[in-house]
N, C-alpha and C. Protein backbone atom coordinates (compact mmCIF):
# COMPACT_ATOMS: atom_id res chain seq x y z
N MET A 1 -17.12 -14.17 21.67
CA MET A 1 -16.05 -14.56 20.72
C MET A 1 -15.31 -13.53 20.68
N ARG A 2 -15.59 -12.25 20.69
CA ARG A 2 -14.73 -10.93 21.00
C ARG A 2 -13.96 -10.93 21.75
N VAL A 3 -14.48 -11.40 22.93
CA VAL A 3 -13.67 -11.09 24.52
C VAL A 3 -12.32 -11.75 24.21
N LEU A 4 -13.05 -13.50 23.80
CA LEU A 4 -11.94 -14.51 24.16
C LEU A 4 -10.69 -14.19 22.90
N TRP A 5 -11.01 -13.59 21.82
CA TRP A 5 -9.79 -12.97 21.09
C TRP A 5 -9.29 -11.98 21.68
N VAL A 6 -9.58 -10.86 22.22
CA VAL A 6 -9.33 -10.12 23.10
C VAL A 6 -7.84 -10.42 24.06
N LEU A 7 -8.72 -11.36 24.83
CA LEU A 7 -7.91 -12.15 25.95
C LEU A 7 -6.55 -12.50 25.17
N THR A 8 -6.80 -13.48 24.18
CA THR A 8 -5.74 -14.05 23.79
C THR A 8 -4.58 -12.97 23.32
N TRP A 9 -4.94 -11.62 22.59
CA TRP A 9 -4.31 -11.01 22.05
C TRP A 9 -3.26 -10.15 23.18
N VAL A 10 -3.96 -9.96 24.43
CA VAL A 10 -3.43 -9.42 25.83
C VAL A 10 -2.31 -10.61 25.96
N LEU A 11 -3.01 -11.85 26.11
CA LEU A 11 -2.13 -13.14 26.79
C LEU A 11 -0.59 -12.68 25.84
N THR A 12 -0.62 -12.92 24.57
CA THR A 12 0.37 -13.33 23.59
C THR A 12 1.16 -11.54 23.66
N LEU A 13 0.36 -10.77 23.96
CA LEU A 13 1.46 -9.49 24.16
C LEU A 13 2.14 -9.37 25.27
N ALA A 14 1.64 -10.14 26.26
CA ALA A 14 2.09 -10.00 27.76
C ALA A 14 3.14 -11.06 27.94
N LEU A 15 3.33 -11.98 27.27
CA LEU A 15 4.25 -13.06 27.10
C LEU A 15 5.38 -12.89 25.91
N THR A 16 5.25 -11.87 25.03
CA THR A 16 5.82 -11.53 24.15
C THR A 16 7.12 -10.41 24.81
N SER A 17 6.24 -9.66 25.41
CA SER A 17 7.12 -8.61 26.44
C SER A 17 8.02 -9.28 27.40
N ALA A 18 7.38 -10.20 27.88
CA ALA A 18 8.32 -10.95 29.09
C ALA A 18 9.61 -11.48 28.40
N LEU A 19 8.98 -12.25 27.44
CA LEU A 19 10.13 -13.11 26.62
C LEU A 19 11.27 -12.31 26.10
N THR A 20 10.59 -10.92 25.44
CA THR A 20 12.08 -10.01 25.16
C THR A 20 12.56 -9.56 26.39
N LEU A 21 11.78 -9.04 27.08
CA LEU A 21 12.73 -8.17 28.55
C LEU A 21 14.10 -9.63 28.83
N LEU A 22 13.38 -10.90 28.71
CA LEU A 22 14.22 -11.75 29.37
C LEU A 22 15.48 -12.27 28.19
N VAL A 23 15.20 -11.92 26.77
CA VAL A 23 16.52 -12.25 25.99
C VAL A 23 17.53 -11.21 25.88
N ALA A 24 17.10 -9.83 26.33
CA ALA A 24 17.67 -8.46 26.61
C ALA A 24 18.48 -8.61 28.15
N ALA A 25 18.10 -9.03 28.51
CA ALA A 25 18.32 -8.95 30.37
C ALA A 25 20.07 -9.86 30.43
N PRO A 26 20.59 -9.53 30.91
CA PRO A 26 22.14 -9.89 31.26
C PRO A 26 21.92 -11.62 31.82
N ILE A 27 22.70 -12.49 31.38
CA ILE A 27 22.55 -13.78 31.93
C ILE A 27 22.72 -14.09 33.18
N PRO A 28 21.89 -14.72 34.25
CA PRO A 28 22.86 -14.70 35.55
C PRO A 28 23.84 -16.03 35.56
N ARG A 29 24.73 -15.72 36.64
CA ARG A 29 25.68 -16.81 36.89
C ARG A 29 25.29 -18.32 36.30
N ARG A 30 24.47 -18.21 37.42
CA ARG A 30 23.85 -19.56 37.50
C ARG A 30 23.18 -20.16 35.98
N CYS A 31 23.04 -19.72 35.16
CA CYS A 31 22.24 -20.05 34.05
C CYS A 31 23.39 -19.78 32.67
N ARG A 32 24.52 -19.52 33.16
CA ARG A 32 25.82 -19.39 31.99
C ARG A 32 25.96 -20.72 31.54
N ALA A 33 25.93 -21.89 32.01
CA ALA A 33 26.36 -22.96 31.75
C ALA A 33 25.34 -23.56 30.63
N VAL A 34 23.91 -23.39 30.77
CA VAL A 34 23.06 -23.53 29.87
C VAL A 34 23.34 -22.53 28.88
N ALA A 35 23.39 -21.32 28.73
CA ALA A 35 23.14 -20.61 28.16
C ALA A 35 24.17 -20.41 27.08
N ALA A 36 25.60 -20.86 27.33
CA ALA A 36 26.46 -21.07 26.76
C ALA A 36 26.88 -21.77 25.30
N PRO A 37 25.98 -22.79 25.20
CA PRO A 37 25.94 -23.67 24.04
C PRO A 37 25.14 -22.87 23.28
N MET A 38 24.13 -22.39 23.70
CA MET A 38 22.86 -21.78 23.10
C MET A 38 23.33 -20.68 22.14
N GLN A 39 24.37 -19.91 23.40
CA GLN A 39 25.16 -18.52 22.37
C GLN A 39 26.03 -18.86 21.46
N ARG A 40 26.86 -20.01 21.61
CA ARG A 40 27.71 -20.58 20.51
C ARG A 40 26.94 -20.90 19.27
N GLN A 41 25.80 -21.83 19.62
CA GLN A 41 25.06 -22.07 18.33
C GLN A 41 24.58 -21.01 17.51
N TYR A 42 24.28 -20.18 18.03
CA TYR A 42 23.32 -18.51 17.67
C TYR A 42 24.54 -18.09 17.10
N ARG A 43 25.51 -17.68 17.28
CA ARG A 43 27.16 -16.94 17.12
C ARG A 43 27.38 -18.46 15.63
N ALA A 44 27.00 -19.37 15.65
CA ALA A 44 27.31 -19.86 14.36
C ALA A 44 26.52 -19.82 13.27
N ASN A 45 25.16 -19.77 13.91
CA ASN A 45 24.18 -19.61 12.92
C ASN A 45 24.22 -18.22 12.10
N THR A 46 24.71 -17.03 12.61
CA THR A 46 24.41 -16.04 12.57
C THR A 46 26.25 -15.22 12.33
N ALA A 47 27.04 -15.90 12.01
CA ALA A 47 28.06 -15.58 11.78
C ALA A 47 28.05 -14.74 10.29
N PRO A 48 28.60 -13.51 10.06
CA PRO A 48 28.63 -13.05 8.44
C PRO A 48 29.25 -14.10 7.76
N MET A 49 30.34 -14.65 8.16
CA MET A 49 31.34 -15.33 7.43
C MET A 49 30.99 -16.68 6.75
N ARG A 50 30.10 -17.18 7.82
CA ARG A 50 29.40 -18.33 7.29
C ARG A 50 28.40 -18.04 6.28
N ALA A 51 27.93 -16.90 6.46
CA ALA A 51 26.69 -16.30 5.49
C ALA A 51 27.29 -16.26 4.03
N ASP A 52 28.61 -15.54 4.23
CA ASP A 52 29.28 -15.73 3.13
C ASP A 52 29.28 -16.58 2.00
N ALA A 53 30.08 -17.70 2.81
CA ALA A 53 30.32 -19.12 2.05
C ALA A 53 28.94 -19.90 1.61
N GLU A 54 27.50 -19.42 2.44
CA GLU A 54 26.51 -19.70 1.89
C GLU A 54 25.91 -19.35 0.97
N ILE A 55 26.09 -18.20 0.57
CA ILE A 55 25.05 -17.42 0.12
C ILE A 55 25.77 -16.92 -1.14
N GLY A 56 26.99 -16.68 -1.06
CA GLY A 56 27.97 -16.36 -2.31
C GLY A 56 28.01 -14.47 -1.97
N LEU A 57 27.20 -14.10 -0.95
CA LEU A 57 27.54 -12.56 -0.65
C LEU A 57 28.71 -12.09 0.14
N ASN A 58 29.38 -11.02 -0.12
CA ASN A 58 30.72 -10.63 0.65
C ASN A 58 29.70 -9.69 1.62
N MET A 59 29.24 -9.89 3.11
CA MET A 59 28.70 -9.20 3.85
C MET A 59 29.44 -8.13 4.25
N ASP A 60 30.39 -8.45 4.43
CA ASP A 60 31.45 -6.70 4.81
C ASP A 60 31.08 -5.74 4.07
N ILE A 61 30.88 -6.10 2.60
CA ILE A 61 30.75 -4.80 1.82
C ILE A 61 29.14 -4.15 1.90
N LEU A 62 28.60 -5.00 2.00
CA LEU A 62 26.91 -4.55 2.63
C LEU A 62 26.97 -3.97 3.83
N PHE A 63 27.71 -4.44 4.79
CA PHE A 63 27.68 -3.78 6.15
C PHE A 63 28.27 -2.35 5.82
N CYS A 64 29.57 -2.11 5.13
CA CYS A 64 30.06 -0.67 4.80
C CYS A 64 29.16 0.24 4.24
N ALA A 65 28.27 -0.51 2.97
CA ALA A 65 27.61 0.53 2.58
C ALA A 65 26.73 0.62 3.44
N ILE A 66 25.66 0.07 4.14
CA ILE A 66 24.87 0.43 5.28
C ILE A 66 25.06 0.99 5.98
N ARG A 67 26.60 1.11 6.64
CA ARG A 67 26.73 1.64 7.76
C ARG A 67 27.16 2.96 6.89
N GLN A 68 27.89 3.79 6.06
CA GLN A 68 27.95 4.59 5.25
C GLN A 68 26.40 5.69 4.75
N VAL A 69 25.49 4.79 4.52
CA VAL A 69 24.36 5.46 4.20
C VAL A 69 23.67 6.28 5.30
N GLU A 70 23.60 5.40 6.32
CA GLU A 70 23.29 5.43 7.76
C GLU A 70 23.81 6.51 8.27
N THR A 71 25.43 6.57 8.49
CA THR A 71 25.88 7.51 9.54
C THR A 71 26.69 8.51 8.53
N GLY A 72 26.65 8.28 7.30
CA GLY A 72 27.89 9.33 6.42
C GLY A 72 28.78 9.62 7.30
N GLY A 73 28.83 10.66 6.89
CA GLY A 73 30.69 10.99 7.41
C GLY A 73 30.42 11.52 9.20
N HIS A 74 30.20 10.96 10.13
CA HIS A 74 29.71 11.18 11.44
C HIS A 74 31.22 10.49 11.80
N PRO A 75 31.80 11.63 12.30
CA PRO A 75 33.54 11.27 13.04
C PRO A 75 33.54 10.12 14.08
N THR A 76 32.31 9.75 14.82
CA THR A 76 32.17 8.37 15.47
C THR A 76 30.77 7.84 15.38
N PRO A 77 30.68 7.27 14.27
CA PRO A 77 29.87 6.03 13.88
C PRO A 77 29.20 5.35 15.36
N ALA A 78 29.80 4.91 16.16
CA ALA A 78 28.91 4.45 17.19
C ALA A 78 28.60 5.53 18.25
N ASP A 79 28.95 6.60 18.22
CA ASP A 79 28.15 7.60 18.67
C ASP A 79 27.01 8.21 17.98
N ALA A 80 26.75 7.95 16.88
CA ALA A 80 25.77 8.41 16.06
C ALA A 80 24.01 8.11 16.47
N ILE A 81 23.46 9.14 16.50
CA ILE A 81 21.85 9.19 17.45
C ILE A 81 21.16 9.40 16.27
N GLY A 82 20.23 8.97 15.57
CA GLY A 82 19.42 9.53 14.66
C GLY A 82 17.76 9.50 14.78
N ASP A 83 16.83 9.78 14.02
CA ASP A 83 15.65 9.64 14.13
C ASP A 83 15.24 10.18 15.64
N ASP A 84 15.80 11.32 15.74
CA ASP A 84 15.42 12.27 17.34
C ASP A 84 15.60 11.19 18.33
N GLY A 85 16.54 10.38 18.28
CA GLY A 85 16.91 9.39 19.39
C GLY A 85 16.34 8.32 19.40
N LYS A 86 15.55 7.87 18.10
CA LYS A 86 15.18 6.62 17.93
C LYS A 86 16.10 5.45 17.59
N SER A 87 17.08 6.06 17.14
CA SER A 87 18.02 4.90 16.76
C SER A 87 19.41 5.24 17.25
N LEU A 88 20.42 4.22 17.22
CA LEU A 88 21.56 4.42 17.57
C LEU A 88 22.66 3.40 16.58
N GLY A 89 23.90 4.11 16.79
CA GLY A 89 24.79 3.53 16.45
C GLY A 89 25.38 3.35 15.09
N PRO A 90 26.47 2.89 14.66
CA PRO A 90 26.68 2.81 13.15
C PRO A 90 25.78 2.46 12.19
N PHE A 91 24.69 1.51 12.42
CA PHE A 91 23.78 0.90 11.58
C PHE A 91 22.73 1.74 11.93
N GLN A 92 22.06 2.59 12.67
CA GLN A 92 21.05 3.24 13.09
C GLN A 92 19.65 2.30 13.28
N ILE A 93 20.42 1.43 14.17
CA ILE A 93 19.03 0.53 14.56
C ILE A 93 18.06 1.01 15.81
N GLY A 94 16.92 0.66 15.48
CA GLY A 94 15.92 1.04 16.54
C GLY A 94 15.38 0.19 17.09
N ARG A 95 15.09 0.35 18.75
CA ARG A 95 14.46 -0.77 19.14
C ARG A 95 13.44 -1.62 18.59
N ALA A 96 12.64 -1.45 18.17
CA ALA A 96 11.56 -2.32 17.46
C ALA A 96 12.59 -3.24 16.78
N TYR A 97 13.49 -2.79 15.90
CA TYR A 97 14.39 -3.73 15.12
C TYR A 97 14.98 -4.70 16.09
N PHE A 98 15.90 -4.15 17.02
CA PHE A 98 16.67 -4.52 18.27
C PHE A 98 15.81 -5.65 18.65
N TYR A 99 14.52 -5.74 19.18
CA TYR A 99 13.80 -6.48 19.79
C TYR A 99 13.44 -7.94 18.99
N ASP A 100 12.91 -7.12 17.62
CA ASP A 100 12.53 -8.16 16.52
C ASP A 100 13.61 -9.49 16.70
N ALA A 101 15.08 -9.04 16.90
CA ALA A 101 16.19 -9.83 16.16
C ALA A 101 16.13 -10.79 17.30
N ALA A 102 16.11 -10.17 18.54
CA ALA A 102 16.11 -11.21 19.77
C ALA A 102 17.25 -12.05 20.06
N VAL A 103 18.43 -10.80 19.90
CA VAL A 103 19.61 -11.85 20.00
C VAL A 103 19.66 -11.89 21.68
N PRO A 104 20.51 -13.23 22.16
CA PRO A 104 20.22 -13.22 23.55
C PRO A 104 21.85 -12.86 24.20
N GLY A 105 21.69 -11.91 25.07
CA GLY A 105 22.64 -11.82 25.96
C GLY A 105 23.09 -10.21 25.62
N LEU A 106 22.43 -9.59 24.38
CA LEU A 106 22.67 -8.55 24.11
C LEU A 106 21.67 -7.32 24.76
N ARG A 107 21.84 -6.21 24.93
CA ARG A 107 21.07 -4.99 25.54
C ARG A 107 21.10 -3.91 24.20
N TYR A 108 20.20 -3.17 24.23
CA TYR A 108 20.17 -2.28 23.27
C TYR A 108 21.24 -1.42 22.96
N GLN A 109 21.53 -0.95 24.05
CA GLN A 109 22.64 0.33 23.87
C GLN A 109 24.27 -0.49 23.20
N ASP A 110 23.92 -1.82 23.06
CA ASP A 110 25.39 -2.73 22.60
C ASP A 110 25.17 -2.31 21.05
N VAL A 111 24.22 -1.60 20.19
CA VAL A 111 24.21 -1.37 19.16
C VAL A 111 25.00 -0.41 18.65
N ARG A 112 25.53 -0.29 19.76
CA ARG A 112 26.60 1.00 19.05
C ARG A 112 28.00 0.32 18.85
N ARG A 113 28.30 -0.99 19.22
CA ARG A 113 29.52 -1.42 18.74
C ARG A 113 29.16 -2.29 17.56
N ASP A 114 30.05 -2.31 16.74
CA ASP A 114 29.79 -2.67 15.30
C ASP A 114 29.74 -4.52 15.41
N ASP A 115 30.34 -4.99 16.00
CA ASP A 115 30.11 -6.28 16.19
C ASP A 115 28.73 -7.33 16.44
N ALA A 116 27.98 -6.04 17.63
CA ALA A 116 26.96 -6.54 18.18
C ALA A 116 26.04 -6.09 17.19
N ALA A 117 25.98 -4.90 16.53
CA ALA A 117 24.99 -4.43 15.42
C ALA A 117 25.12 -5.32 14.26
N ARG A 118 26.00 -6.09 13.74
CA ARG A 118 25.95 -6.81 12.69
C ARG A 118 25.41 -8.03 13.51
N ALA A 119 25.39 -8.63 14.50
CA ALA A 119 25.06 -9.86 14.99
C ALA A 119 23.21 -9.46 14.96
N VAL A 120 22.90 -8.32 15.43
CA VAL A 120 21.37 -7.78 15.11
C VAL A 120 20.92 -8.16 13.90
N MET A 121 21.45 -7.42 12.87
CA MET A 121 21.03 -7.39 11.80
C MET A 121 21.01 -8.79 10.62
N ILE A 122 22.12 -9.64 11.42
CA ILE A 122 22.05 -10.70 10.74
C ILE A 122 20.68 -11.68 11.39
N ALA A 123 20.80 -11.58 12.78
CA ALA A 123 19.67 -12.35 12.96
C ALA A 123 18.31 -11.87 12.69
N TYR A 124 17.94 -10.42 12.77
CA TYR A 124 16.88 -9.68 11.90
C TYR A 124 16.58 -10.18 10.49
N TRP A 125 17.75 -10.37 9.55
CA TRP A 125 17.78 -11.17 8.57
C TRP A 125 17.27 -12.47 8.55
N THR A 126 17.80 -12.99 9.61
CA THR A 126 17.60 -14.66 9.60
C THR A 126 15.87 -14.58 9.73
N ARG A 127 15.37 -13.93 10.62
CA ARG A 127 14.31 -14.54 10.93
C ARG A 127 13.25 -13.67 9.64
N TYR A 128 13.64 -12.56 9.00
CA TYR A 128 12.70 -12.39 8.19
C TYR A 128 12.61 -12.57 6.71
N ALA A 129 14.24 -12.57 6.19
CA ALA A 129 14.58 -12.56 4.69
C ALA A 129 14.23 -14.03 4.16
N GLY A 130 13.95 -15.07 4.96
CA GLY A 130 13.88 -16.25 4.41
C GLY A 130 14.77 -17.01 4.17
N PRO A 131 15.01 -18.22 3.54
CA PRO A 131 15.98 -18.65 3.43
C PRO A 131 17.37 -18.15 2.87
N ARG A 132 18.61 -18.27 3.30
CA ARG A 132 19.88 -17.60 2.85
C ARG A 132 19.82 -17.57 1.47
N GLU A 133 19.71 -18.71 0.89
CA GLU A 133 19.55 -19.10 -0.35
C GLU A 133 19.25 -18.08 -1.21
N SER A 134 18.09 -17.28 -0.87
CA SER A 134 17.34 -16.33 -1.46
C SER A 134 17.83 -14.74 -1.11
N TRP A 135 18.90 -14.81 -0.39
CA TRP A 135 19.36 -13.53 0.31
C TRP A 135 19.65 -12.80 -1.30
N THR A 136 19.53 -11.67 -1.03
CA THR A 136 20.41 -10.34 -2.11
C THR A 136 20.74 -9.43 -1.45
N TYR A 137 21.79 -8.24 -2.19
CA TYR A 137 22.23 -7.05 -1.06
C TYR A 137 20.97 -6.39 -1.27
N GLU A 138 20.20 -6.22 -2.23
CA GLU A 138 19.00 -5.58 -2.35
C GLU A 138 17.96 -5.85 -1.28
N ARG A 139 17.63 -7.06 -1.37
CA ARG A 139 16.63 -7.44 -0.32
C ARG A 139 17.14 -7.11 1.27
N LEU A 140 17.91 -7.24 1.40
CA LEU A 140 18.73 -7.07 2.52
C LEU A 140 18.94 -5.40 3.43
N ALA A 141 19.26 -4.95 2.23
CA ALA A 141 19.42 -3.59 2.41
C ALA A 141 17.95 -3.02 2.75
N ARG A 142 17.00 -3.30 1.70
CA ARG A 142 15.87 -2.53 1.41
C ARG A 142 15.12 -3.08 3.35
N MET A 143 15.41 -4.01 3.67
CA MET A 143 14.56 -5.02 4.72
C MET A 143 15.53 -3.73 6.04
N HIS A 144 16.41 -3.78 6.01
CA HIS A 144 17.00 -2.94 6.70
C HIS A 144 16.45 -1.98 7.02
N ASN A 145 16.46 -0.87 5.91
CA ASN A 145 15.65 0.31 5.95
C ASN A 145 14.49 0.39 6.39
N GLY A 146 13.37 -0.45 5.38
CA GLY A 146 11.82 -0.06 5.72
C GLY A 146 10.99 -1.48 6.29
N GLY A 147 11.92 -2.68 7.45
CA GLY A 147 11.28 -3.64 8.32
C GLY A 147 11.21 -4.56 7.27
N PRO A 148 10.49 -5.86 7.62
CA PRO A 148 10.16 -6.87 7.12
C PRO A 148 9.65 -6.86 5.66
N ARG A 149 8.98 -5.84 5.35
CA ARG A 149 8.23 -5.63 4.23
C ARG A 149 9.20 -4.36 3.30
N GLY A 150 10.13 -4.18 3.31
CA GLY A 150 11.00 -3.21 3.22
C GLY A 150 11.21 -3.51 1.61
N PRO A 151 11.57 -4.52 1.26
CA PRO A 151 11.62 -4.76 -0.15
C PRO A 151 10.69 -4.62 -1.13
N GLU A 152 9.69 -4.61 -0.56
CA GLU A 152 8.03 -4.51 -1.50
C GLU A 152 7.74 -3.14 -1.32
N ARG A 153 8.32 -2.27 -0.59
CA ARG A 153 8.40 -1.05 -0.41
C ARG A 153 8.72 -0.23 -1.29
N SER A 154 8.27 1.07 -2.17
CA SER A 154 8.92 1.89 -3.13
C SER A 154 9.63 2.86 -2.48
N ALA A 155 9.20 3.19 -0.89
CA ALA A 155 9.72 4.08 -0.32
C ALA A 155 11.21 3.78 -0.19
N THR A 156 11.81 2.40 0.01
CA THR A 156 13.10 2.03 0.32
C THR A 156 14.16 2.07 -1.07
N GLU A 157 13.45 1.90 -2.55
CA GLU A 157 14.12 1.92 -3.56
C GLU A 157 15.18 3.02 -3.60
N ALA A 158 15.04 4.39 -3.00
CA ALA A 158 16.22 5.05 -3.12
C ALA A 158 17.28 4.75 -2.03
N TYR A 159 16.99 3.99 -0.86
CA TYR A 159 17.96 3.57 -0.04
C TYR A 159 18.79 2.70 -0.72
N TRP A 160 18.03 2.14 -1.53
CA TRP A 160 19.06 0.93 -2.23
C TRP A 160 19.81 1.28 -2.85
N LYS A 161 19.40 2.37 -3.62
CA LYS A 161 20.18 2.71 -4.64
C LYS A 161 21.44 3.72 -4.24
N LYS A 162 21.43 4.14 -2.75
CA LYS A 162 22.54 4.68 -2.03
C LYS A 162 23.73 3.89 -2.11
N CYS A 163 22.72 2.46 -1.41
CA CYS A 163 23.50 1.74 -0.82
C CYS A 163 24.47 0.64 -2.18
N LEU A 164 23.66 0.81 -3.21
CA LEU A 164 24.37 0.31 -4.21
C LEU A 164 25.53 1.28 -5.07
N ARG A 165 25.54 2.44 -5.03
CA ARG A 165 26.35 3.48 -5.59
C ARG A 165 27.71 3.11 -4.86
N ILE A 166 27.74 3.31 -3.35
CA ILE A 166 28.51 2.97 -2.74
C ILE A 166 29.34 1.81 -2.79
N MET A 167 28.45 0.44 -2.83
CA MET A 167 29.21 -0.96 -2.83
C MET A 167 29.56 -0.85 -4.21
N GLU A 168 29.18 -0.05 -5.50
CA GLU A 168 29.84 -0.30 -6.52
C GLU A 168 31.21 0.68 -6.27
N SER A 169 31.12 1.90 -5.95
CA SER A 169 32.38 2.41 -5.69
C SER A 169 33.44 2.29 -5.02
N MET A 170 33.01 1.02 -4.09
CA MET A 170 34.11 0.23 -3.20
C MET A 170 34.73 -0.75 -4.05
N GLN A 171 33.76 -1.51 -4.71
CA GLN A 171 34.12 -2.31 -6.05
C GLN A 171 35.23 -2.03 -6.71
N ARG A 172 34.91 -0.81 -7.48
CA ARG A 172 36.05 0.05 -8.50
C ARG A 172 37.48 -0.03 -7.50
N GLU A 173 37.16 0.55 -6.61
CA GLU A 173 38.48 1.10 -5.57
C GLU A 173 39.36 -0.24 -5.60
N VAL A 174 38.67 -1.26 -5.14
CA VAL A 174 39.66 -2.14 -5.00
C VAL A 174 40.28 -3.23 -6.25
N ARG A 175 39.38 -3.01 -7.64
CA ARG A 175 39.65 -3.05 -8.72
C ARG A 175 41.06 -2.46 -9.16
N GLN A 176 40.88 -1.34 -8.87
CA GLN A 176 42.05 -0.32 -9.08
C GLN A 176 43.25 -0.58 -8.29
N ARG A 177 43.29 -1.17 -7.03
CA ARG A 177 44.26 -1.28 -6.17
C ARG A 177 44.74 -2.70 -6.87
N GLU A 178 44.10 -3.61 -7.32
CA GLU A 178 44.48 -5.08 -7.98
C GLU A 178 45.42 -4.79 -8.66
N VAL A 179 44.96 -3.70 -9.68
CA VAL A 179 45.61 -3.39 -10.84
C VAL A 179 46.97 -2.71 -10.69
N ARG A 180 47.31 -2.40 -9.84
CA ARG A 180 48.46 -1.74 -9.16
C ARG A 180 49.61 -2.54 -8.66
C-alpha cells in the first residue's frame, strides 16, 4: 500500500514538473493558433480592470502599495532582487509563486516587467483566494506575502499594516488633489 502511495506521489510530481515546464516555455509557432484563444481567455479572466468591476476593489492602489512595501525606494524596481536572489521584480515574486500562478507564455524572468508581474499575481490570487466576490485588499496582500495560507498567518499582519498605511496615504493624496 505504501509503495503504491509513493509511486502515485512520484508520478504526480513528475507530471506537475513537466506541465510547469510546458506552461513556462515559449509557445512554438505551430501551436500559436491553438494557444492564442486560450491566452486571450486567460487575459480576460485575469485583467485587473475586470477584477475592479467584479469585486469593487481598485486593484491599482493595491498593486502600488505592494510594490512600495516590496521594493521601497529602489531606483529601478524592475531590477530589484530580494531574499538573497530568490525574488525578482517590482513585486518580489519568487519562483514557487510564479510556477503556482501558471501563466501561459511567461518565463520567470518576465516578472521584472510590471504587466507580467501583475498577471502572475492575479492568476495566483484567482487560484488560491477563492471567488472574486470574497476578495479583500487584506486577503490579497497577506496572501502575496505569506502564500495561500497567508491570510491566516499572524506573520503577515505587519505586512498588511504597511500596505494599508500606504493605501490610506495614497487615498489622502487623491482627496487633497480633488479639493484643490
